[in-house]
Amino acid sequence: MKVFRITGSQDYWTIHYNNITDIKNEKYLAEFKGMSVAKDWKKLESKVVFKGERSDIKPDIMDVGGLVGFAITSSAKDVLKDLLIPYCELLPLDLEGEEIYLINPIIILDCLDYDNCVTKRYPPMYKTKIEKYELKKGLCYPPVFRIKEPNRSFGNYITDEVVKVLTENYIIGYNITEIWNSEE
């Protein structure tokens, strides 16, 4: 099995939410840390704030500026829903009159094999960053999740099962980076 980090591609569109008036949404947008927010969520208006080189092509997956995350179109939701639910919440956004969905992974796994990860400290704050991930073998990895890292739980991770569905259905607008292969 392989695990990948997924992000919205800067080659397509980056979206951002418009003015936020609901304090609950503001809190959640600032702190997506694996908690369920769907019951309190109110649909936010969003807009395209950056268009990359491939901006004339409407992406299925979009980078969400100001968040560590991405959003998907309704058609991408139809393709991916069985892999995303119950591991994520699909939080509605209004993108210039079209409903899209912010992905909120609610599964955070304590799956790092710290003894075998390769890390490096970067100035100026000299925070430690994982250069090469090593995950615990023998765990059952869901299709979409976050990894519990020291002092944070950022990033969205997917398995090769999701990558296969993205590829077979010609979903566009994302970048993936392989972080771990259980066979190595």
C-alpha atoms as a PDB file:
ATOM      1  CA  MET A   1       0.000   0.000   0.000  1.00  0.00           C
ATOM      2  CA  LYS A   2       1.086   3.567  -0.682  1.00  0.00           C
ATOM      3  CA  VAL A   3       0.171   6.794   1.079  1.00  0.00           C
ATOM      4  CA  PHE A   4       0.194  10.205  -0.622  1.00  0.00           C
ATOM      5  CA  ARG A   5      -0.199  13.821   0.495  1.00  0.00           C
ATOM      6  CA  ILE A   6      -2.862  15.549  -1.617  1.00  0.00           C
ATOM      7  CA  THR A   7      -3.209  19.283  -2.213  1.00  0.00           C
ATOM      8  CA  GLY A   8      -5.090  21.441  -4.659  1.00  0.00           C
ATOM      9  CA  SER A   9      -2.851  22.306  -7.605  1.00  0.00           C
ATOM     10  CA  GLN A  10      -1.680  25.896  -7.999  1.00  0.00           C
ATOM     11  CA  ASP A  11      -1.739  25.246 -11.767  1.00  0.00           C
ATOM     12  CA  TYR A  12      -5.528  25.535 -11.703  1.00  0.00           C
ATOM     13  CA  TRP A  13      -7.647  27.587  -9.263  1.00  0.00           C
ATOM     14  CA  THR A  14      -7.200  28.643  -5.680  1.00  0.00           C
ATOM     15  CA  ILE A  15     -10.334  29.638  -3.862  1.00  0.00           C
ATOM     16  CA  HIS A  16     -10.887  31.499  -0.641  1.00  0.00           C
ATOM     17  CA  TYR A  17     -13.942  32.192   1.448  1.00  0.00           C
ATOM     18  CA  ASN A  18     -15.549  35.618   1.361  1.00  0.00           C
ATOM     19  CA  ASN A  19     -16.287  37.583   4.530  1.00  0.00           C
ATOM     20  CA  ILE A  20     -16.994  35.339   7.490  1.00  0.00           C
ATOM     21  CA  THR A  21     -19.630  36.555   9.892  1.00  0.00           C
ATOM     22  CA  ASP A  22     -20.375  33.331  11.743  1.00  0.00           C
ATOM     23  CA  ILE A  23     -17.821  32.985  14.553  1.00  0.00           C
ATOM     24  CA  LYS A  24     -18.254  29.199  14.602  1.00  0.00           C
ATOM     25  CA  ASN A  25     -17.207  28.896  10.975  1.00  0.00           C
ATOM     26  CA  GLU A  26     -14.283  31.265  11.567  1.00  0.00           C
ATOM     27  CA  LYS A  27     -13.065  29.066  14.415  1.00  0.00           C
ATOM     28  CA  TYR A  28     -13.351  25.895  12.363  1.00  0.00           C
ATOM     29  CA  LEU A  29     -11.716  27.380   9.292  1.00  0.00           C
ATOM     30  CA  ALA A  30      -8.743  28.347  11.421  1.00  0.00           C
ATOM     31  CA  GLU A  31      -8.481  25.003  13.181  1.00  0.00           C
ATOM     32  CA  PHE A  32      -9.386  21.987  11.057  1.00  0.00           C
ATOM     33  CA  LYS A  33      -7.883  19.429  13.367  1.00  0.00           C
ATOM     34  CA  GLY A  34      -9.951  16.336  12.867  1.00  0.00           C
ATOM     35  CA  MET A  35     -13.040  17.466  14.687  1.00  0.00           C
ATOM     36  CA  SER A  36     -16.500  17.169  13.243  1.00  0.00           C
ATOM     37  CA  VAL A  37     -17.995  20.555  12.409  1.00  0.00           C
ATOM     38  CA  ALA A  38     -20.866  19.591  10.096  1.00  0.00           C
ATOM     39  CA  LYS A  39     -23.676  20.072  12.619  1.00  0.00           C
ATOM     40  CA  ASP A  40     -22.702  23.736  13.170  1.00  0.00           C
ATOM     41  CA  TRP A  41     -21.545  24.454   9.622  1.00  0.00           C
ATOM     42  CA  LYS A  42     -23.243  27.159   7.600  1.00  0.00           C
ATOM     43  CA  LYS A  43     -22.547  27.335   3.881  1.00  0.00           C
ATOM     44  CA  LEU A  44     -19.917  29.992   3.164  1.00  0.00           C
ATOM     45  CA  GLU A  45     -19.536  32.002   0.016  1.00  0.00           C
ATOM     46  CA  SER A  46     -16.199  31.614  -1.703  1.00  0.00           C
ATOM     47  CA  LYS A  47     -14.467  33.012  -4.744  1.00  0.00           C
ATOM     48  CA  VAL A  48     -11.574  32.214  -7.052  1.00  0.00           C
ATOM     49  CA  VAL A  49      -8.614  34.286  -5.869  1.00  0.00           C
ATOM     50  CA  PHE A  50      -5.832  32.856  -8.020  1.00  0.00           C
ATOM     51  CA  LYS A  51      -5.785  31.292 -11.446  1.00  0.00           C
ATOM     52  CA  GLY A  52      -2.748  29.332 -12.515  1.00  0.00           C
ATOM     53  CA  GLU A  53      -1.447  28.383 -15.942  1.00  0.00           C
ATOM     54  CA  ARG A  54      -4.346  26.005 -16.554  1.00  0.00           C
ATOM     55  CA  SER A  55      -7.028  28.423 -15.367  1.00  0.00           C
ATOM     56  CA  ASP A  56      -9.121  28.021 -18.501  1.00  0.00           C
ATOM     57  CA  ILE A  57      -9.823  24.426 -17.445  1.00  0.00           C
ATOM     58  CA  LYS A  58     -12.343  24.111 -14.615  1.00  0.00           C
ATOM     59  CA  PRO A  59     -10.750  21.853 -11.977  1.00  0.00           C
ATOM     60  CA  ASP A  60     -12.579  19.141 -10.048  1.00  0.00           C
ATOM     61  CA  ILE A  61     -10.354  19.737  -7.017  1.00  0.00           C
ATOM     62  CA  MET A  62      -9.344  23.227  -5.874  1.00  0.00           C
ATOM     63  CA  ASP A  63      -6.810  24.550  -3.438  1.00  0.00           C
ATOM     64  CA  VAL A  64      -8.451  26.470  -0.590  1.00  0.00           C
ATOM     65  CA  GLY A  65      -6.339  29.466   0.363  1.00  0.00           C
ATOM     66  CA  GLY A  66      -6.040  30.165   4.058  1.00  0.00           C
ATOM     67  CA  LEU A  67      -6.660  26.533   4.942  1.00  0.00           C
ATOM     68  CA  VAL A  68      -4.696  23.378   4.884  1.00  0.00           C
ATOM     69  CA  GLY A  69      -7.119  21.701   2.553  1.00  0.00           C
ATOM     70  CA  PHE A  70      -8.978  21.442  -0.675  1.00  0.00           C
ATOM     71  CA  ALA A  71     -12.490  21.546  -2.072  1.00  0.00           C
ATOM     72  CA  ILE A  72     -14.193  19.390  -4.678  1.00  0.00           C
ATOM     73  CA  THR A  73     -16.950  19.990  -7.203  1.00  0.00           C
ATOM     74  CA  SER A  74     -20.291  18.174  -7.119  1.00  0.00           C
ATOM     75  CA  SER A  75     -19.178  15.857  -9.927  1.00  0.00           C
ATOM     76  CA  ALA A  76     -15.976  14.945  -8.047  1.00  0.00           C
ATOM     77  CA  LYS A  77     -18.093  14.372  -4.931  1.00  0.00           C
ATOM     78  CA  ASP A  78     -20.241  11.891  -6.857  1.00  0.00           C
ATOM     79  CA  VAL A  79     -17.124   9.949  -7.881  1.00  0.00           C
ATOM     80  CA  LEU A  80     -15.321  10.093  -4.516  1.00  0.00           C
ATOM     81  CA  LYS A  81     -18.179  10.016  -1.991  1.00  0.00           C
ATOM     82  CA  ASP A  82     -17.877   6.304  -1.131  1.00  0.00           C
ATOM     83  CA  LEU A  83     -14.170   6.758  -0.356  1.00  0.00           C
ATOM     84  CA  LEU A  84     -14.601  10.003   1.588  1.00  0.00           C
ATOM     85  CA  ILE A  85     -17.564   9.205   3.838  1.00  0.00           C
ATOM     86  CA  PRO A  86     -17.343   8.438   6.833  1.00  0.00           C
ATOM     87  CA  TYR A  87     -13.681   9.534   6.995  1.00  0.00           C
ATOM     88  CA  CYS A  88     -14.363  13.137   5.962  1.00  0.00           C
ATOM     89  CA  GLU A  89     -17.045  15.725   6.128  1.00  0.00           C
ATOM     90  CA  LEU A  90     -18.115  17.426   2.930  1.00  0.00           C
ATOM     91  CA  LEU A  91     -18.833  20.991   3.995  1.00  0.00           C
ATOM     92  CA  PRO A  92     -20.764  23.045   1.429  1.00  0.00           C
ATOM     93  CA  LEU A  93     -19.352  26.237  -0.034  1.00  0.00           C
ATOM     94  CA  ASP A  94     -20.970  28.524  -2.570  1.00  0.00           C
ATOM     95  CA  LEU A  95     -18.399  29.206  -5.298  1.00  0.00           C
ATOM     96  CA  GLU A  96     -19.887  32.051  -7.284  1.00  0.00           C
ATOM     97  CA  GLY A  97     -23.302  30.358  -7.461  1.00  0.00           C
ATOM     98  CA  GLU A  98     -22.092  26.758  -7.675  1.00  0.00           C
ATOM     99  CA  GLU A  99     -22.115  24.407  -4.697  1.00  0.00           C
ATOM    100  CA  ILE A 100     -18.741  22.826  -3.976  1.00  0.00           C
ATOM    101  CA  TYR A 101     -17.516  20.956  -0.896  1.00  0.00           C
ATOM    102  CA  LEU A 102     -14.682  21.642   1.477  1.00  0.00           C
ATOM    103  CA  ILE A 103     -13.036  18.406   2.591  1.00  0.00           C
ATOM    104  CA  ASN A 104     -12.629  18.061   6.358  1.00  0.00           C
ATOM    105  CA  PRO A 105     -10.871  14.786   7.244  1.00  0.00           C
ATOM    106  CA  ILE A 106     -12.045  13.787  10.708  1.00  0.00           C
ATOM    107  CA  ILE A 107      -9.731  10.808  11.142  1.00  0.00           C
ATOM    108  CA  ILE A 108      -6.331  11.647  12.618  1.00  0.00           C
ATOM    109  CA  LEU A 109      -4.027   8.670  12.915  1.00  0.00           C
ATOM    110  CA  ASP A 110      -1.138   8.368  15.327  1.00  0.00           C
ATOM    111  CA  CYS A 111       0.739   6.361  12.732  1.00  0.00           C
ATOM    112  CA  LEU A 112       4.225   7.852  12.468  1.00  0.00           C
ATOM    113  CA  ASP A 113       7.102   5.499  13.154  1.00  0.00           C
ATOM    114  CA  TYR A 114       9.242   8.243  14.707  1.00  0.00           C
ATOM    115  CA  ASP A 115      12.285   6.027  15.122  1.00  0.00           C
ATOM    116  CA  ASN A 116      12.540   5.530  11.370  1.00  0.00           C
ATOM    117  CA  CYS A 117      11.376   8.916  10.012  1.00  0.00           C
ATOM    118  CA  VAL A 118      14.076  11.187   8.611  1.00  0.00           C
ATOM    119  CA  THR A 119      13.780  14.718   9.990  1.00  0.00           C
ATOM    120  CA  LYS A 120      15.553  18.029   9.520  1.00  0.00           C
ATOM    121  CA  ARG A 121      15.481  21.324  11.452  1.00  0.00           C
ATOM    122  CA  TYR A 122      14.901  24.472   9.408  1.00  0.00           C
ATOM    123  CA  PRO A 123      15.819  28.046  10.334  1.00  0.00           C
ATOM    124  CA  PRO A 124      14.853  30.641  11.374  1.00  0.00           C
ATOM    125  CA  MET A 125      12.619  28.949  13.980  1.00  0.00           C
ATOM    126  CA  TYR A 126      14.469  25.624  13.708  1.00  0.00           C
ATOM    127  CA  LYS A 127      11.280  23.629  13.665  1.00  0.00           C
ATOM    128  CA  THR A 128      11.659  19.991  12.836  1.00  0.00           C
ATOM    129  CA  LYS A 129      10.211  18.878   9.516  1.00  0.00           C
ATOM    130  CA  ILE A 130       9.765  15.303   8.375  1.00  0.00           C
ATOM    131  CA  GLU A 131      11.841  14.772   5.242  1.00  0.00           C
ATOM    132  CA  LYS A 132      11.025  11.076   4.809  1.00  0.00           C
ATOM    133  CA  TYR A 133       7.947   9.559   6.368  1.00  0.00           C
ATOM    134  CA  GLU A 134       7.856   6.111   7.822  1.00  0.00           C
ATOM    135  CA  LEU A 135       4.438   4.910   8.909  1.00  0.00           C
ATOM    136  CA  LYS A 136       3.545   2.083  11.222  1.00  0.00           C
ATOM    137  CA  LYS A 137       2.951  -1.172   9.424  1.00  0.00           C
ATOM    138  CA  GLY A 138       0.003  -3.350  10.315  1.00  0.00           C
ATOM    139  CA  LEU A 139      -2.475  -0.489  10.706  1.00  0.00           C
ATOM    140  CA  CYS A 140      -5.643  -0.288   8.651  1.00  0.00           C
ATOM    141  CA  TYR A 141      -5.339   3.020   6.814  1.00  0.00           C
ATOM    142  CA  PRO A 142      -8.593   4.666   5.706  1.00  0.00           C
ATOM    143  CA  PRO A 143      -8.747   6.151   2.192  1.00  0.00           C
ATOM    144  CA  VAL A 144      -8.477   9.747   3.518  1.00  0.00           C
ATOM    145  CA  PHE A 145      -6.968  10.880   6.819  1.00  0.00           C
ATOM    146  CA  ARG A 146      -4.613  13.227   8.601  1.00  0.00           C
ATOM    147  CA  ILE A 147      -1.445  12.230  10.390  1.00  0.00           C
ATOM    148  CA  LYS A 148      -0.876  13.230  13.981  1.00  0.00           C
ATOM    149  CA  GLU A 149       2.452  14.992  14.032  1.00  0.00           C
ATOM    150  CA  PRO A 150       4.044  16.778  16.982  1.00  0.00           C
ATOM    151  CA  ASN A 151       2.229  20.076  17.589  1.00  0.00           C
ATOM    152  CA  ARG A 152       0.069  19.778  14.454  1.00  0.00           C
ATOM    153  CA  SER A 153      -2.231  17.623  12.369  1.00  0.00           C
ATOM    154  CA  PHE A 154      -1.999  19.372   9.021  1.00  0.00           C
ATOM    155  CA  GLY A 155      -2.138  17.850   5.600  1.00  0.00           C
ATOM    156  CA  ASN A 156      -4.537  15.532   3.891  1.00  0.00           C
ATOM    157  CA  TYR A 157      -3.359  12.052   3.095  1.00  0.00           C
ATOM    158  CA  ILE A 158      -4.855   9.489   0.753  1.00  0.00           C
ATOM    159  CA  THR A 159      -4.152   5.880  -0.102  1.00  0.00           C
ATOM    160  CA  ASP A 160      -3.405   4.403  -3.509  1.00  0.00           C
ATOM    161  CA  GLU A 161      -7.069   3.349  -3.652  1.00  0.00           C
ATOM    162  CA  VAL A 162      -8.098   7.024  -3.924  1.00  0.00           C
ATOM    163  CA  VAL A 163      -5.329   7.776  -6.421  1.00  0.00           C
ATOM    164  CA  LYS A 164      -6.639   4.970  -8.633  1.00  0.00           C
ATOM    165  CA  VAL A 165     -10.176   6.413  -8.592  1.00  0.00           C
ATOM    166  CA  LEU A 166      -8.882   9.948  -9.298  1.00  0.00           C
ATOM    167  CA  THR A 167      -6.874   8.689 -12.257  1.00  0.00           C
ATOM    168  CA  GLU A 168      -9.520   6.366 -13.707  1.00  0.00           C
ATOM    169  CA  ASN A 169     -12.137   9.132 -13.590  1.00  0.00           C
ATOM    170  CA  TYR A 170      -9.893  11.860 -15.044  1.00  0.00           C
ATOM    171  CA  ILE A 171     -10.291  14.086 -11.983  1.00  0.00           C
ATOM    172  CA  ILE A 172      -8.080  17.178 -12.342  1.00  0.00           C
ATOM    173  CA  GLY A 173      -6.820  20.008 -10.149  1.00  0.00           C
ATOM    174  CA  TYR A 174      -4.669  18.267  -7.537  1.00  0.00           C
ATOM    175  CA  ASN A 175      -1.078  17.409  -6.705  1.00  0.00           C
ATOM    176  CA  ILE A 176      -0.088  14.221  -4.963  1.00  0.00           C
ATOM    177  CA  THR A 177       3.235  13.340  -3.417  1.00  0.00           C
ATOM    178  CA  GLU A 178       4.010   9.797  -2.371  1.00  0.00           C
ATOM    179  CA  ILE A 179       5.161   9.842   1.243  1.00  0.00           C
ATOM    180  CA  TRP A 180       5.223   6.145   2.072  1.00  0.00           C
ATOM    181  CA  ASN A 181       5.231   2.745   0.454  1.00  0.00           C
ATOM    182  CA  SER A 182       4.590  -0.222   2.751  1.00  0.00           C
ATOM    183  CA  GLU A 183       6.586  -2.454   0.406  1.00  0.00           C
ATOM    184  CA  GLU A 184       9.845  -0.554   0.916  1.00  0.00           C
END
